[in-house]
Each structure stands twice: as C-alpha cells, then as structure tokens.
Amino acid sequence: DRSGKLERNAITRKHLRAAFVRWFCAKTE
C-alpha cells in the first residue's frame, strides 16, 4: 500500500508530517 511508503517518508520529511496534521485536523474538526 502506497500509504505505508508515505508514512515512512514522513519520518524525515516535515512537509509530509504537516499534510498528516492537516488531514487529521480536517477529519475531526
């Protein structure tokens, strides 16, 4: 699943972590 690669890449890439944060904030607003 490509989402697993996205998670692994987010470990070292701040812009991907920011995308996860935006997703969680929008999902549970």
PDB file of all heavy atoms in Angstrom:
ATOM      1  N   ASP A   1       0.854  -1.183   0.000  1.00  0.00           N
ATOM      2  CA  ASP A   1       0.000   0.000   0.000  1.00  0.00           C
ATOM      3  C   ASP A   1       0.891   1.234   0.000  1.00  0.00           C
ATOM      4  O   ASP A   1       1.789   1.344   0.833  1.00  0.00           O
ATOM      5  CB  ASP A   1      -0.882  -0.039   1.256  1.00  0.00           C
ATOM      6  CG  ASP A   1      -1.917   1.054   1.287  1.00  0.00           C
ATOM      7  OD1 ASP A   1      -1.935   1.904   0.378  1.00  0.00           O
ATOM      8  OD2 ASP A   1      -2.717   1.059   2.227  1.00  0.00           O
ATOM      9  N   ARG A   2       0.658   2.159  -0.917  1.00  0.00           N
ATOM     10  CA  ARG A   2       1.491   3.358  -1.023  1.00  0.00           C
ATOM     11  C   ARG A   2       1.415   4.220   0.233  1.00  0.00           C
ATOM     12  O   ARG A   2       2.329   4.974   0.519  1.00  0.00           O
ATOM     13  CB  ARG A   2       1.069   4.208  -2.234  1.00  0.00           C
ATOM     14  CG  ARG A   2       1.349   3.586  -3.562  1.00  0.00           C
ATOM     15  CD  ARG A   2       2.761   3.656  -3.976  1.00  0.00           C
ATOM     16  NE  ARG A   2       3.231   5.009  -4.167  1.00  0.00           N
ATOM     17  CZ  ARG A   2       4.472   5.313  -4.425  1.00  0.00           C
ATOM     18  NH1 ARG A   2       5.370   4.366  -4.533  1.00  0.00           N
ATOM     19  NH2 ARG A   2       4.864   6.548  -4.581  1.00  0.00           N
ATOM     20  N   SER A   3       0.331   4.123   0.993  1.00  0.00           N
ATOM     21  CA  SER A   3       0.231   4.947   2.195  1.00  0.00           C
ATOM     22  C   SER A   3       1.308   4.565   3.216  1.00  0.00           C
ATOM     23  O   SER A   3       1.760   5.398   3.993  1.00  0.00           O
ATOM     24  CB  SER A   3      -1.156   4.851   2.819  1.00  0.00           C
ATOM     25  OG  SER A   3      -1.428   3.536   3.240  1.00  0.00           O
ATOM     26  N   GLY A   4       1.753   3.310   3.200  1.00  0.00           N
ATOM     27  CA  GLY A   4       2.844   2.908   4.086  1.00  0.00           C
ATOM     28  C   GLY A   4       4.137   3.613   3.728  1.00  0.00           C
ATOM     29  O   GLY A   4       4.890   4.052   4.599  1.00  0.00           O
ATOM     30  N   LYS A   5       4.401   3.747   2.436  1.00  0.00           N
ATOM     31  CA  LYS A   5       5.598   4.467   1.995  1.00  0.00           C
ATOM     32  C   LYS A   5       5.485   5.940   2.365  1.00  0.00           C
ATOM     33  O   LYS A   5       6.466   6.569   2.765  1.00  0.00           O
ATOM     34  CB  LYS A   5       5.802   4.301   0.495  1.00  0.00           C
ATOM     35  CG  LYS A   5       7.073   4.912   0.009  1.00  0.00           C
ATOM     36  CD  LYS A   5       7.413   4.477  -1.392  1.00  0.00           C
ATOM     37  CE  LYS A   5       8.790   5.011  -1.730  1.00  0.00           C
ATOM     38  NZ  LYS A   5       9.378   4.364  -2.855  1.00  0.00           N
ATOM     39  N   LEU A   6       4.291   6.496   2.247  1.00  0.00           N
ATOM     40  CA  LEU A   6       4.069   7.893   2.631  1.00  0.00           C
ATOM     41  C   LEU A   6       4.389   8.090   4.116  1.00  0.00           C
ATOM     42  O   LEU A   6       5.067   9.041   4.493  1.00  0.00           O
ATOM     43  CB  LEU A   6       2.629   8.302   2.337  1.00  0.00           C
ATOM     44  CG  LEU A   6       2.231   9.712   2.727  1.00  0.00           C
ATOM     45  CD1 LEU A   6       2.997  10.738   1.912  1.00  0.00           C
ATOM     46  CD2 LEU A   6       0.740   9.907   2.558  1.00  0.00           C
ATOM     47  N   GLU A   7       3.927   7.179   4.947  1.00  0.00           N
ATOM     48  CA  GLU A   7       4.233   7.265   6.384  1.00  0.00           C
ATOM     49  C   GLU A   7       5.729   7.165   6.652  1.00  0.00           C
ATOM     50  O   GLU A   7       6.274   7.920   7.444  1.00  0.00           O
ATOM     51  CB  GLU A   7       3.519   6.150   7.153  1.00  0.00           C
ATOM     52  CG  GLU A   7       2.095   6.429   7.453  1.00  0.00           C
ATOM     53  CD  GLU A   7       1.475   5.332   8.284  1.00  0.00           C
ATOM     54  OE1 GLU A   7       2.109   4.868   9.258  1.00  0.00           O
ATOM     55  OE2 GLU A   7       0.351   4.938   7.963  1.00  0.00           O
ATOM     56  N   ARG A   8       6.405   6.227   6.003  1.00  0.00           N
ATOM     57  CA  ARG A   8       7.851   6.072   6.217  1.00  0.00           C
ATOM     58  C   ARG A   8       8.605   7.320   5.763  1.00  0.00           C
ATOM     59  O   ARG A   8       9.552   7.749   6.418  1.00  0.00           O
ATOM     60  CB  ARG A   8       8.367   4.833   5.488  1.00  0.00           C
ATOM     61  CG  ARG A   8       7.921   3.530   6.118  1.00  0.00           C
ATOM     62  CD  ARG A   8       8.606   2.330   5.495  1.00  0.00           C
ATOM     63  NE  ARG A   8       8.388   2.202   4.068  1.00  0.00           N
ATOM     64  CZ  ARG A   8       7.337   1.607   3.504  1.00  0.00           C
ATOM     65  NH1 ARG A   8       6.382   1.090   4.266  1.00  0.00           N
ATOM     66  NH2 ARG A   8       7.242   1.509   2.193  1.00  0.00           N
ATOM     67  N   ASN A   9       8.189   7.902   4.647  1.00  0.00           N
ATOM     68  CA  ASN A   9       8.838   9.122   4.169  1.00  0.00           C
ATOM     69  C   ASN A   9       8.565  10.304   5.093  1.00  0.00           C
ATOM     70  O   ASN A   9       9.391  11.203   5.217  1.00  0.00           O
ATOM     71  CB  ASN A   9       8.393   9.452   2.748  1.00  0.00           C
ATOM     72  CG  ASN A   9       9.001   8.525   1.728  1.00  0.00           C
ATOM     73  OD1 ASN A   9      10.038   7.915   1.965  1.00  0.00           O
ATOM     74  ND2 ASN A   9       8.364   8.406   0.583  1.00  0.00           N
ATOM     75  N   ALA A  10       7.412  10.316   5.747  1.00  0.00           N
ATOM     76  CA  ALA A  10       7.077  11.419   6.655  1.00  0.00           C
ATOM     77  C   ALA A  10       7.974  11.442   7.888  1.00  0.00           C
ATOM     78  O   ALA A  10       8.088  12.477   8.547  1.00  0.00           O
ATOM     79  CB  ALA A  10       5.607  11.318   7.075  1.00  0.00           C
ATOM     80  N   ILE A  11       8.639  10.350   8.195  1.00  0.00           N
ATOM     81  CA  ILE A  11       9.539  10.313   9.349  1.00  0.00           C
ATOM     82  C   ILE A  11      10.627  11.367   9.203  1.00  0.00           C
ATOM     83  O   ILE A  11      10.984  12.035  10.161  1.00  0.00           O
ATOM     84  CB  ILE A  11      10.149   8.901   9.522  1.00  0.00           C
ATOM     85  CG1 ILE A  11       9.055   7.902   9.896  1.00  0.00           C
ATOM     86  CG2 ILE A  11      11.256   8.905  10.560  1.00  0.00           C
ATOM     87  CD1 ILE A  11       9.489   6.455   9.839  1.00  0.00           C
ATOM     88  N   THR A  12      11.120  11.560   7.990  1.00  0.00           N
ATOM     89  CA  THR A  12      12.213  12.502   7.770  1.00  0.00           C
ATOM     90  C   THR A  12      11.801  13.757   7.005  1.00  0.00           C
ATOM     91  O   THR A  12      12.620  14.644   6.816  1.00  0.00           O
ATOM     92  CB  THR A  12      13.360  11.824   6.991  1.00  0.00           C
ATOM     93  OG1 THR A  12      12.848  11.336   5.743  1.00  0.00           O
ATOM     94  CG2 THR A  12      13.970  10.696   7.797  1.00  0.00           C
ATOM     95  N   ARG A  13      10.541  13.844   6.578  1.00  0.00           N
ATOM     96  CA  ARG A  13      10.119  14.990   5.763  1.00  0.00           C
ATOM     97  C   ARG A  13       8.986  15.749   6.454  1.00  0.00           C
ATOM     98  O   ARG A  13       7.861  15.263   6.556  1.00  0.00           O
ATOM     99  CB  ARG A  13       9.686  14.519   4.387  1.00  0.00           C
ATOM    100  CG  ARG A  13      10.843  13.913   3.630  1.00  0.00           C
ATOM    101  CD  ARG A  13      10.492  13.685   2.189  1.00  0.00           C
ATOM    102  NE  ARG A  13      11.654  13.247   1.467  1.00  0.00           N
ATOM    103  CZ  ARG A  13      11.784  12.024   0.970  1.00  0.00           C
ATOM    104  NH1 ARG A  13      10.843  11.135   1.125  1.00  0.00           N
ATOM    105  NH2 ARG A  13      12.875  11.708   0.311  1.00  0.00           N
ATOM    106  N   LYS A  14       9.322  16.948   6.881  1.00  0.00           N
ATOM    107  CA  LYS A  14       8.389  17.754   7.666  1.00  0.00           C
ATOM    108  C   LYS A  14       7.127  18.113   6.883  1.00  0.00           C
ATOM    109  O   LYS A  14       6.027  18.143   7.448  1.00  0.00           O
ATOM    110  CB  LYS A  14       9.111  19.027   8.127  1.00  0.00           C
ATOM    111  CG  LYS A  14       8.400  19.789   9.188  1.00  0.00           C
ATOM    112  CD  LYS A  14       9.282  20.904   9.726  1.00  0.00           C
ATOM    113  CE  LYS A  14       8.649  21.514  10.945  1.00  0.00           C
ATOM    114  NZ  LYS A  14       9.539  22.464  11.598  1.00  0.00           N
ATOM    115  N   HIS A  15       7.241  18.383   5.595  1.00  0.00           N
ATOM    116  CA  HIS A  15       6.056  18.765   4.818  1.00  0.00           C
ATOM    117  C   HIS A  15       5.041  17.620   4.733  1.00  0.00           C
ATOM    118  O   HIS A  15       3.836  17.856   4.678  1.00  0.00           O
ATOM    119  CB  HIS A  15       6.450  19.271   3.424  1.00  0.00           C
ATOM    120  CG  HIS A  15       6.944  18.215   2.483  1.00  0.00           C
ATOM    121  ND1 HIS A  15       8.226  17.712   2.544  1.00  0.00           N
ATOM    122  CD2 HIS A  15       6.332  17.572   1.470  1.00  0.00           C
ATOM    123  CE1 HIS A  15       8.372  16.795   1.601  1.00  0.00           C
ATOM    124  NE2 HIS A  15       7.243  16.695   0.947  1.00  0.00           N
ATOM    125  N   LEU A  16       5.496  16.377   4.770  1.00  0.00           N
ATOM    126  CA  LEU A  16       4.563  15.254   4.773  1.00  0.00           C
ATOM    127  C   LEU A  16       3.881  15.105   6.134  1.00  0.00           C
ATOM    128  O   LEU A  16       2.696  14.776   6.211  1.00  0.00           O
ATOM    129  CB  LEU A  16       5.285  13.961   4.389  1.00  0.00           C
ATOM    130  CG  LEU A  16       5.809  13.892   2.961  1.00  0.00           C
ATOM    131  CD1 LEU A  16       6.573  12.594   2.732  1.00  0.00           C
ATOM    132  CD2 LEU A  16       4.676  14.034   1.961  1.00  0.00           C
ATOM    133  N   ARG A  17       4.634  15.367   7.199  1.00  0.00           N
ATOM    134  CA  ARG A  17       4.007  15.341   8.533  1.00  0.00           C
ATOM    135  C   ARG A  17       2.949  16.436   8.627  1.00  0.00           C
ATOM    136  O   ARG A  17       1.874  16.235   9.206  1.00  0.00           O
ATOM    137  CB  ARG A  17       5.067  15.495   9.626  1.00  0.00           C
ATOM    138  CG  ARG A  17       6.023  14.318   9.714  1.00  0.00           C
ATOM    139  CD  ARG A  17       6.873  14.332  10.963  1.00  0.00           C
ATOM    140  NE  ARG A  17       7.696  15.499  11.147  1.00  0.00           N
ATOM    141  CZ  ARG A  17       8.942  15.638  10.711  1.00  0.00           C
ATOM    142  NH1 ARG A  17       9.508  14.662  10.030  1.00  0.00           N
ATOM    143  NH2 ARG A  17       9.633  16.736  10.950  1.00  0.00           N
ATOM    144  N   ALA A  18       3.236  17.599   8.047  1.00  0.00           N
ATOM    145  CA  ALA A  18       2.264  18.695   8.045  1.00  0.00           C
ATOM    146  C   ALA A  18       0.995  18.281   7.300  1.00  0.00           C
ATOM    147  O   ALA A  18      -0.118  18.637   7.707  1.00  0.00           O
ATOM    148  CB  ALA A  18       2.871  19.947   7.415  1.00  0.00           C
ATOM    149  N   ALA A  19       1.138  17.522   6.228  1.00  0.00           N
ATOM    150  CA  ALA A  19      -0.030  17.041   5.487  1.00  0.00           C
ATOM    151  C   ALA A  19      -0.873  16.094   6.344  1.00  0.00           C
ATOM    152  O   ALA A  19      -2.108  16.163   6.335  1.00  0.00           O
ATOM    153  CB  ALA A  19       0.413  16.353   4.202  1.00  0.00           C
ATOM    154  N   PHE A  20      -0.213  15.211   7.107  1.00  0.00           N
ATOM    155  CA  PHE A  20      -0.952  14.335   8.017  1.00  0.00           C
ATOM    156  C   PHE A  20      -1.715  15.157   9.059  1.00  0.00           C
ATOM    157  O   PHE A  20      -2.863  14.862   9.384  1.00  0.00           O
ATOM    158  CB  PHE A  20      -0.012  13.357   8.726  1.00  0.00           C
ATOM    159  CG  PHE A  20       0.255  12.098   7.962  1.00  0.00           C
ATOM    160  CD1 PHE A  20       1.519  11.829   7.464  1.00  0.00           C
ATOM    161  CD2 PHE A  20      -0.757  11.176   7.737  1.00  0.00           C
ATOM    162  CE1 PHE A  20       1.769  10.668   6.764  1.00  0.00           C
ATOM    163  CE2 PHE A  20      -0.517  10.018   7.045  1.00  0.00           C
ATOM    164  CZ  PHE A  20       0.746   9.756   6.548  1.00  0.00           C
ATOM    165  N   VAL A  21      -1.074  16.189   9.591  1.00  0.00           N
ATOM    166  CA  VAL A  21      -1.723  17.037  10.595  1.00  0.00           C
ATOM    167  C   VAL A  21      -2.952  17.711   9.987  1.00  0.00           C
ATOM    168  O   VAL A  21      -4.028  17.716  10.593  1.00  0.00           O
ATOM    169  CB  VAL A  21      -0.731  18.082  11.155  1.00  0.00           C
ATOM    170  CG1 VAL A  21      -1.447  19.123  11.990  1.00  0.00           C
ATOM    171  CG2 VAL A  21       0.348  17.400  11.962  1.00  0.00           C
ATOM    172  N   ARG A  22      -2.802  18.284   8.798  1.00  0.00           N
ATOM    173  CA  ARG A  22      -3.954  18.935   8.151  1.00  0.00           C
ATOM    174  C   ARG A  22      -5.089  17.945   7.944  1.00  0.00           C
ATOM    175  O   ARG A  22      -6.256  18.264   8.136  1.00  0.00           O
ATOM    176  CB  ARG A  22      -3.530  19.555   6.813  1.00  0.00           C
ATOM    177  CG  ARG A  22      -2.744  20.836   6.967  1.00  0.00           C
ATOM    178  CD  ARG A  22      -2.582  21.566   5.652  1.00  0.00           C
ATOM    179  NE  ARG A  22      -1.864  20.802   4.654  1.00  0.00           N
ATOM    180  CZ  ARG A  22      -0.544  20.782   4.518  1.00  0.00           C
ATOM    181  NH1 ARG A  22       0.210  21.506   5.327  1.00  0.00           N
ATOM    182  NH2 ARG A  22       0.028  20.065   3.579  1.00  0.00           N
ATOM    183  N   TRP A  23      -4.736  16.711   7.562  1.00  0.00           N
ATOM    184  CA  TRP A  23      -5.753  15.690   7.325  1.00  0.00           C
ATOM    185  C   TRP A  23      -6.490  15.350   8.623  1.00  0.00           C
ATOM    186  O   TRP A  23      -7.716  15.294   8.653  1.00  0.00           O
ATOM    187  CB  TRP A  23      -5.100  14.444   6.723  1.00  0.00           C
ATOM    188  CG  TRP A  23      -6.075  13.366   6.391  1.00  0.00           C
ATOM    189  CD1 TRP A  23      -6.949  13.334   5.352  1.00  0.00           C
ATOM    190  CD2 TRP A  23      -6.282  12.156   7.118  1.00  0.00           C
ATOM    191  NE1 TRP A  23      -7.684  12.177   5.383  1.00  0.00           N
ATOM    192  CE2 TRP A  23      -7.291  11.431   6.453  1.00  0.00           C
ATOM    193  CE3 TRP A  23      -5.700  11.621   8.261  1.00  0.00           C
ATOM    194  CZ2 TRP A  23      -7.734  10.202   6.902  1.00  0.00           C
ATOM    195  CZ3 TRP A  23      -6.143  10.378   8.697  1.00  0.00           C
ATOM    196  CH2 TRP A  23      -7.149   9.690   8.023  1.00  0.00           C
ATOM    197  N   PHE A  24      -5.745  15.119   9.705  1.00  0.00           N
ATOM    198  CA  PHE A  24      -6.385  14.799  10.985  1.00  0.00           C
ATOM    199  C   PHE A  24      -7.234  15.968  11.485  1.00  0.00           C
ATOM    200  O   PHE A  24      -8.331  15.771  12.009  1.00  0.00           O
ATOM    201  CB  PHE A  24      -5.356  14.404  12.046  1.00  0.00           C
ATOM    202  CG  PHE A  24      -4.942  12.964  11.985  1.00  0.00           C
ATOM    203  CD1 PHE A  24      -3.621  12.627  11.735  1.00  0.00           C
ATOM    204  CD2 PHE A  24      -5.859  11.943  12.175  1.00  0.00           C
ATOM    205  CE1 PHE A  24      -3.225  11.302  11.681  1.00  0.00           C
ATOM    206  CE2 PHE A  24      -5.480  10.612  12.118  1.00  0.00           C
ATOM    207  CZ  PHE A  24      -4.155  10.294  11.864  1.00  0.00           C
ATOM    208  N   CYS A  25      -6.708  17.203  11.363  1.00  0.00           N
ATOM    209  CA  CYS A  25      -7.466  18.366  11.831  1.00  0.00           C
ATOM    210  C   CYS A  25      -8.757  18.530  11.039  1.00  0.00           C
ATOM    211  O   CYS A  25      -9.808  18.816  11.614  1.00  0.00           O
ATOM    212  CB  CYS A  25      -6.620  19.640  11.725  1.00  0.00           C
ATOM    213  SG  CYS A  25      -5.284  19.717  12.942  1.00  0.00           S
ATOM    214  N   ALA A  26      -8.717  18.338   9.721  1.00  0.00           N
ATOM    215  CA  ALA A  26      -9.916  18.479   8.892  1.00  0.00           C
ATOM    216  C   ALA A  26     -10.892  17.329   9.140  1.00  0.00           C
ATOM    217  O   ALA A  26     -12.108  17.524   9.149  1.00  0.00           O
ATOM    218  CB  ALA A  26      -9.524  18.515   7.419  1.00  0.00           C
ATOM    219  N   LYS A  27     -10.377  16.151   9.381  1.00  0.00           N
ATOM    220  CA  LYS A  27     -11.211  14.958   9.577  1.00  0.00           C
ATOM    221  C   LYS A  27     -12.004  15.031  10.883  1.00  0.00           C
ATOM    222  O   LYS A  27     -13.126  14.555  10.957  1.00  0.00           O
ATOM    223  CB  LYS A  27     -10.301  13.729   9.570  1.00  0.00           C
ATOM    224  CG  LYS A  27     -10.983  12.420   9.817  1.00  0.00           C
ATOM    225  CD  LYS A  27      -9.950  11.307   9.794  1.00  0.00           C
ATOM    226  CE  LYS A  27     -10.536  10.039  10.363  1.00  0.00           C
ATOM    227  NZ  LYS A  27      -9.566   8.982  10.506  1.00  0.00           N
ATOM    228  N   THR A  28     -11.433  15.619  11.913  1.00  0.00           N
ATOM    229  CA  THR A  28     -12.063  15.604  13.228  1.00  0.00           C
ATOM    230  C   THR A  28     -12.513  16.989  13.703  1.00  0.00           C
ATOM    231  O   THR A  28     -12.851  17.142  14.863  1.00  0.00           O
ATOM    232  CB  THR A  28     -11.088  15.027  14.269  1.00  0.00           C
ATOM    233  OG1 THR A  28      -9.930  15.845  14.296  1.00  0.00           O
ATOM    234  CG2 THR A  28     -10.724  13.606  13.942  1.00  0.00           C
ATOM    235  N   GLU A  29     -12.443  17.983  12.823  1.00  0.00           N
ATOM    236  CA  GLU A  29     -12.803  19.357  13.199  1.00  0.00           C
ATOM    237  C   GLU A  29     -14.191  19.373  13.824  1.00  0.00           C
ATOM    238  O   GLU A  29     -15.085  18.709  13.323  1.00  0.00           O
ATOM    239  CB  GLU A  29     -12.758  20.230  11.933  1.00  0.00           C
ATOM    240  CG  GLU A  29     -12.828  21.694  12.183  1.00  0.00           C
ATOM    241  CD  GLU A  29     -11.607  22.226  12.927  1.00  0.00           C
ATOM    242  OE1 GLU A  29     -10.498  21.741  12.739  1.00  0.00           O
ATOM    243  OE2 GLU A  29     -11.805  23.121  13.735  1.00  0.00           O
TER     244      GLU A  29
END
